[in-house]
Amino acid sequence: MAQIAANPIISDLRGRIQHLEGAVARSKSVIPFGVADIDERLPGGGLAHGAVHEFAGGGAGAVDGAAAALFVAGIAARTKGMVVWCLARPDLFAPALAQVGLHPDRVIYVEAIKEEYVLEAFEEALRFRGLGAVVAETVRLPMVISRRLQLAAEGSGTIGLIIRRWRRQTEAGDFGHPTAAATRWRISVLPSEPLPVPGVGRARWLAELIRVKAGESADFEIGACDAKGRISLLSDAGDRSDQTRRSVHPG
């Protein structure tokens, strides 16, 4: 009984400490996907603010890499405020980001002259409060650096989205190394949605949640981001189970 009575006291003390650290307001907020099968797999029901999340294409090809970038753009589009996008290769296609809801007026592009400087700019932006999201494209993400980035995100409450991009097949193996990211995703392109008439239907992706803190990994077949960054639309089909298929891999 004494232990039960003490729990509210401990919770109150934790809340006061978080308040003093200035993190209570945003550390508990999340960006939900709006798809119950996915949100229920994520602590808090979505991607947490004040944390770093990591994404990569399912293969070494450019098509899967582009799908991963659009998946991230859709997440950033559903945040409030400006988005800082750090990159070293100036091949980002702004109209494609606009198609998933991330208008160019919301994006501040930071182009680094070297790959090594991308994460430095990313960390600097993460420490700035008030941004909607901060995105970085990088080949490598060492554990030590990922921990520093996670601490920067926790301090500001800003969400950090890292896209892993490969120039060569050998670089893709770096994604298998552990990092401090709160969630890690792999996005692959699937055949588009079939239509009753000749034409190309809505794009479909395989979203693999390969790691999540305090959760289970799982795979989802989803409809690609729409014009508001959402990965499925209730109006697409009366039976939503046809839009999102889930398989769970217990840890």
Protein backbone atom coordinates (compact mmCIF):
# COMPACT_ATOMS: atom_id res chain seq x y z
CA MET A 1 0.00 0.00 0.00
CA ALA A 2 2.87 2.33 0.88
CA GLN A 3 4.42 1.68 -2.54
CA ILE A 4 1.14 2.44 -4.30
CA ALA A 5 0.80 5.66 -2.32
CA ALA A 6 4.35 6.69 -3.20
CA ASN A 7 3.94 6.36 -6.98
CA PRO A 8 1.95 9.62 -7.44
CA ILE A 9 4.63 11.43 -5.46
CA ILE A 10 7.38 10.06 -7.71
CA SER A 11 5.37 10.97 -10.80
CA ASP A 12 4.86 14.49 -9.47
CA LEU A 13 8.59 14.87 -8.79
CA ARG A 14 9.44 13.64 -12.29
CA GLY A 15 7.01 16.12 -13.77
CA ARG A 16 8.53 18.99 -11.77
CA ILE A 17 12.05 18.01 -12.84
CA GLN A 18 10.99 17.87 -16.50
CA HIS A 19 9.30 21.24 -16.13
CA LEU A 20 12.47 22.75 -14.67
CA GLU A 21 14.43 21.27 -17.59
CA GLY A 22 11.99 22.90 -19.99
CA ALA A 23 11.23 19.67 -21.76
CA VAL A 24 7.83 18.74 -20.41
CA ALA A 25 5.76 20.59 -22.98
CA ARG A 26 7.08 18.88 -26.09
CA SER A 27 8.83 15.71 -24.97
CA LYS A 28 5.49 13.99 -24.56
CA SER A 29 4.00 15.23 -27.82
CA VAL A 30 4.07 13.08 -30.92
CA ILE A 31 3.28 13.26 -34.62
CA PRO A 32 0.76 10.50 -35.29
CA PHE A 33 0.51 8.87 -38.71
CA GLY A 34 -3.26 8.70 -38.44
CA VAL A 35 -3.10 4.96 -39.15
CA ALA A 36 -4.07 3.00 -36.07
CA ASP A 37 -2.03 -0.09 -36.99
CA ILE A 38 1.15 2.01 -37.08
CA ASP A 39 0.44 4.46 -34.27
CA GLU A 40 -0.33 1.70 -31.79
CA ARG A 41 3.19 0.34 -32.34
CA LEU A 42 4.83 3.66 -31.39
CA PRO A 43 5.16 4.86 -27.76
CA GLY A 44 2.72 7.72 -27.27
CA GLY A 45 0.92 6.93 -30.54
CA GLY A 46 3.31 8.53 -33.04
CA LEU A 47 6.82 9.79 -33.76
CA ALA A 48 8.06 11.62 -30.67
CA HIS A 49 9.19 15.22 -30.69
CA GLY A 50 12.49 15.77 -28.95
CA ALA A 51 13.97 12.69 -30.59
CA VAL A 52 15.87 11.61 -33.68
CA HIS A 53 14.30 9.19 -36.16
CA GLU A 54 16.15 7.42 -38.96
CA PHE A 55 15.02 6.38 -42.45
CA ALA A 56 16.57 4.58 -45.42
CA GLY A 57 15.55 3.14 -48.73
CA GLY A 58 14.90 -0.59 -48.74
CA GLY A 59 17.57 -1.13 -51.40
CA ALA A 60 20.63 0.66 -52.65
CA GLY A 61 18.75 2.04 -55.67
CA ALA A 62 17.62 5.62 -56.19
CA VAL A 63 13.92 4.68 -56.37
CA ASP A 64 13.73 3.32 -52.83
CA GLY A 65 15.88 6.22 -51.64
CA ALA A 66 13.43 8.69 -53.18
CA ALA A 67 10.53 6.90 -51.47
CA ALA A 68 12.31 7.25 -48.12
CA ALA A 69 12.83 10.98 -48.74
CA LEU A 70 9.16 11.47 -49.62
CA PHE A 71 8.10 9.50 -46.54
CA VAL A 72 10.18 11.89 -44.42
CA ALA A 73 8.86 14.93 -46.30
CA GLY A 74 5.32 13.78 -45.55
CA ILE A 75 6.15 13.63 -41.82
CA ALA A 76 7.75 17.08 -41.92
CA ALA A 77 4.74 18.45 -43.80
CA ARG A 78 2.50 17.51 -40.89
CA THR A 79 4.53 19.53 -38.39
CA LYS A 80 4.03 23.21 -37.59
CA GLY A 81 6.71 25.78 -38.40
CA MET A 82 9.73 25.94 -40.64
CA VAL A 83 11.67 22.86 -41.71
CA VAL A 84 15.46 22.89 -42.03
CA TRP A 85 16.76 20.38 -44.62
CA CYS A 86 20.54 19.73 -44.51
CA LEU A 87 22.23 18.01 -47.44
CA ALA A 88 25.48 17.74 -49.35
CA ARG A 89 24.13 16.57 -52.69
CA PRO A 90 21.95 19.28 -54.30
CA ASP A 91 19.57 16.86 -56.02
CA LEU A 92 16.50 17.40 -53.87
CA PHE A 93 13.45 18.01 -56.09
CA ALA A 94 11.34 20.65 -54.34
CA PRO A 95 8.19 20.10 -56.48
CA ALA A 96 8.14 16.47 -55.31
CA LEU A 97 8.21 17.64 -51.68
CA ALA A 98 5.34 20.02 -52.45
CA GLN A 99 3.31 17.10 -53.82
CA VAL A 100 3.42 15.46 -50.37
CA GLY A 101 2.45 18.68 -48.60
CA LEU A 102 5.83 20.26 -47.82
CA HIS A 103 5.62 23.63 -49.56
CA PRO A 104 8.95 25.27 -50.57
CA ASP A 105 8.07 28.35 -48.49
CA ARG A 106 8.38 26.23 -45.36
CA VAL A 107 11.79 24.75 -46.15
CA ILE A 108 15.21 26.25 -45.36
CA TYR A 109 17.85 24.39 -47.35
CA VAL A 110 21.32 24.09 -45.83
CA GLU A 111 23.78 22.85 -48.44
CA ALA A 112 27.09 21.67 -47.01
CA ILE A 113 30.20 21.48 -49.15
CA LYS A 114 31.19 18.19 -47.54
CA GLU A 115 29.30 15.21 -46.16
CA GLU A 116 30.98 15.72 -42.78
CA TYR A 117 29.42 19.14 -42.37
CA VAL A 118 25.84 17.95 -42.87
CA LEU A 119 25.49 16.49 -39.38
CA GLU A 120 27.14 19.56 -37.86
CA ALA A 121 24.49 21.78 -39.45
CA PHE A 122 21.81 19.27 -38.43
CA GLU A 123 22.92 19.39 -34.79
CA GLU A 124 23.04 23.17 -34.79
CA ALA A 125 19.50 23.37 -36.17
CA LEU A 126 18.26 20.73 -33.71
CA ARG A 127 19.34 22.92 -30.81
CA PHE A 128 17.20 25.77 -32.12
CA ARG A 129 13.74 25.80 -30.55
CA GLY A 130 10.66 26.59 -32.56
CA LEU A 131 11.34 24.65 -35.77
CA GLY A 132 8.79 22.22 -37.13
CA ALA A 133 11.42 19.60 -37.99
CA VAL A 134 15.06 19.26 -38.96
CA VAL A 135 16.07 16.85 -41.74
CA ALA A 136 19.53 15.61 -42.70
CA GLU A 137 20.71 13.42 -45.57
CA THR A 138 23.83 11.47 -44.71
CA VAL A 139 25.66 8.30 -45.60
CA ARG A 140 27.01 7.41 -42.16
CA LEU A 141 25.72 7.90 -38.65
CA PRO A 142 28.20 6.77 -35.98
CA MET A 143 26.77 5.83 -32.59
CA VAL A 144 28.65 8.59 -30.73
CA ILE A 145 27.33 11.28 -33.06
CA SER A 146 23.80 9.87 -32.97
CA ARG A 147 23.82 10.10 -29.17
CA ARG A 148 24.88 13.73 -29.36
CA LEU A 149 22.12 14.46 -31.86
CA GLN A 150 19.57 12.73 -29.64
CA LEU A 151 20.59 14.88 -26.69
CA ALA A 152 20.31 18.02 -28.84
CA ALA A 153 16.78 17.03 -29.85
CA GLU A 154 15.80 16.28 -26.25
CA GLY A 155 17.07 19.70 -25.17
CA SER A 156 15.04 21.67 -27.69
CA GLY A 157 12.03 19.40 -28.15
CA THR A 158 12.56 19.49 -31.93
CA ILE A 159 12.07 16.36 -34.00
CA GLY A 160 15.07 15.24 -36.06
CA LEU A 161 14.64 13.14 -39.22
CA ILE A 162 17.73 11.54 -40.73
CA ILE A 163 17.70 10.06 -44.24
CA ARG A 164 20.47 7.57 -44.97
CA ARG A 165 21.60 7.79 -48.60
CA TRP A 166 24.06 5.51 -50.37
CA ARG A 167 26.29 6.16 -53.34
CA ARG A 168 27.56 2.60 -53.44
CA GLN A 169 26.16 -0.77 -52.40
CA THR A 170 28.94 -1.19 -49.84
CA GLU A 171 27.76 1.92 -47.97
CA ALA A 172 24.32 0.40 -47.36
CA GLY A 173 25.85 -1.98 -44.82
CA ASP A 174 26.44 0.95 -42.46
CA PHE A 175 22.71 1.06 -41.79
CA GLY A 176 23.04 -2.24 -39.96
CA HIS A 177 25.13 -0.62 -37.25
CA PRO A 178 23.28 0.46 -34.09
CA THR A 179 22.48 4.13 -33.47
CA ALA A 180 20.70 6.10 -30.75
CA ALA A 181 17.71 6.90 -32.98
CA ALA A 182 14.32 6.46 -31.29
CA THR A 183 12.92 4.72 -34.37
CA ARG A 184 14.52 3.30 -37.53
CA TRP A 185 12.57 2.79 -40.75
CA ARG A 186 13.22 1.23 -44.15
CA ILE A 187 11.01 2.26 -47.07
CA SER A 188 10.66 0.27 -50.30
CA VAL A 189 8.57 0.78 -53.40
CA LEU A 190 5.77 -1.70 -54.14
CA PRO A 191 3.67 -2.07 -57.32
CA SER A 192 1.22 0.79 -57.56
CA GLU A 193 -2.44 0.43 -56.73
CA PRO A 194 -4.30 -1.42 -59.50
CA LEU A 195 -6.89 0.52 -61.46
CA PRO A 196 -9.98 -0.78 -63.27
CA VAL A 197 -8.77 1.03 -66.41
CA PRO A 198 -5.29 1.37 -68.01
CA GLY A 199 -3.12 3.81 -66.07
CA VAL A 200 -0.89 4.19 -63.05
CA GLY A 201 -2.58 4.03 -59.66
CA ARG A 202 -1.54 5.47 -56.36
CA ALA A 203 1.99 4.56 -55.32
CA ARG A 204 2.43 1.99 -52.56
CA TRP A 205 5.32 1.53 -50.17
CA LEU A 206 6.54 -1.11 -47.78
CA ALA A 207 7.37 0.67 -44.51
CA GLU A 208 9.52 -1.48 -42.23
CA LEU A 209 9.75 -0.29 -38.64
CA ILE A 210 12.96 -2.15 -37.90
CA ARG A 211 13.59 -0.63 -34.47
CA VAL A 212 11.57 1.31 -31.93
CA LYS A 213 12.47 1.99 -28.31
CA ALA A 214 10.03 0.26 -25.94
CA GLY A 215 8.17 -1.32 -28.84
CA GLU A 216 8.11 -4.08 -31.44
CA SER A 217 9.30 -3.93 -35.02
CA ALA A 218 6.70 -4.44 -37.73
CA ASP A 219 6.12 -4.15 -41.47
CA PHE A 220 3.34 -2.15 -43.12
CA GLU A 221 2.13 -1.92 -46.70
CA ILE A 222 0.84 1.61 -47.12
CA GLY A 223 -0.43 4.03 -49.69
CA ALA A 224 2.17 6.71 -50.48
CA CYS A 225 1.88 10.21 -48.99
CA ASP A 226 -0.95 12.32 -50.32
CA ALA A 227 -0.92 16.11 -50.80
CA LYS A 228 -1.09 16.64 -47.03
CA GLY A 229 1.65 14.18 -46.11
CA ARG A 230 -0.75 11.46 -44.98
CA ILE A 231 0.14 7.89 -45.85
CA SER A 232 -3.41 6.66 -46.34
CA LEU A 233 -6.79 8.09 -47.13
CA LEU A 234 -10.04 6.74 -45.80
CA SER A 235 -11.69 7.88 -49.01
CA ASP A 236 -9.41 5.64 -51.10
CA ALA A 237 -11.18 2.53 -50.05
CA GLY A 238 -14.08 1.62 -47.87
CA ASP A 239 -12.07 -1.26 -46.45
CA ARG A 240 -8.98 0.32 -44.87
CA SER A 241 -7.43 -3.04 -44.22
CA ASP A 242 -6.76 -3.13 -47.96
CA GLN A 243 -4.63 0.02 -47.60
CA THR A 244 -2.46 -1.00 -44.68
CA ARG A 245 -1.25 -4.50 -44.01
CA ARG A 246 0.76 -5.20 -40.91
CA SER A 247 3.09 -7.95 -39.85
CA VAL A 248 4.69 -7.84 -36.42
CA HIS A 249 8.11 -9.14 -35.47
CA PRO A 250 8.31 -9.57 -31.69
CA GLY A 251 11.63 -8.44 -30.33
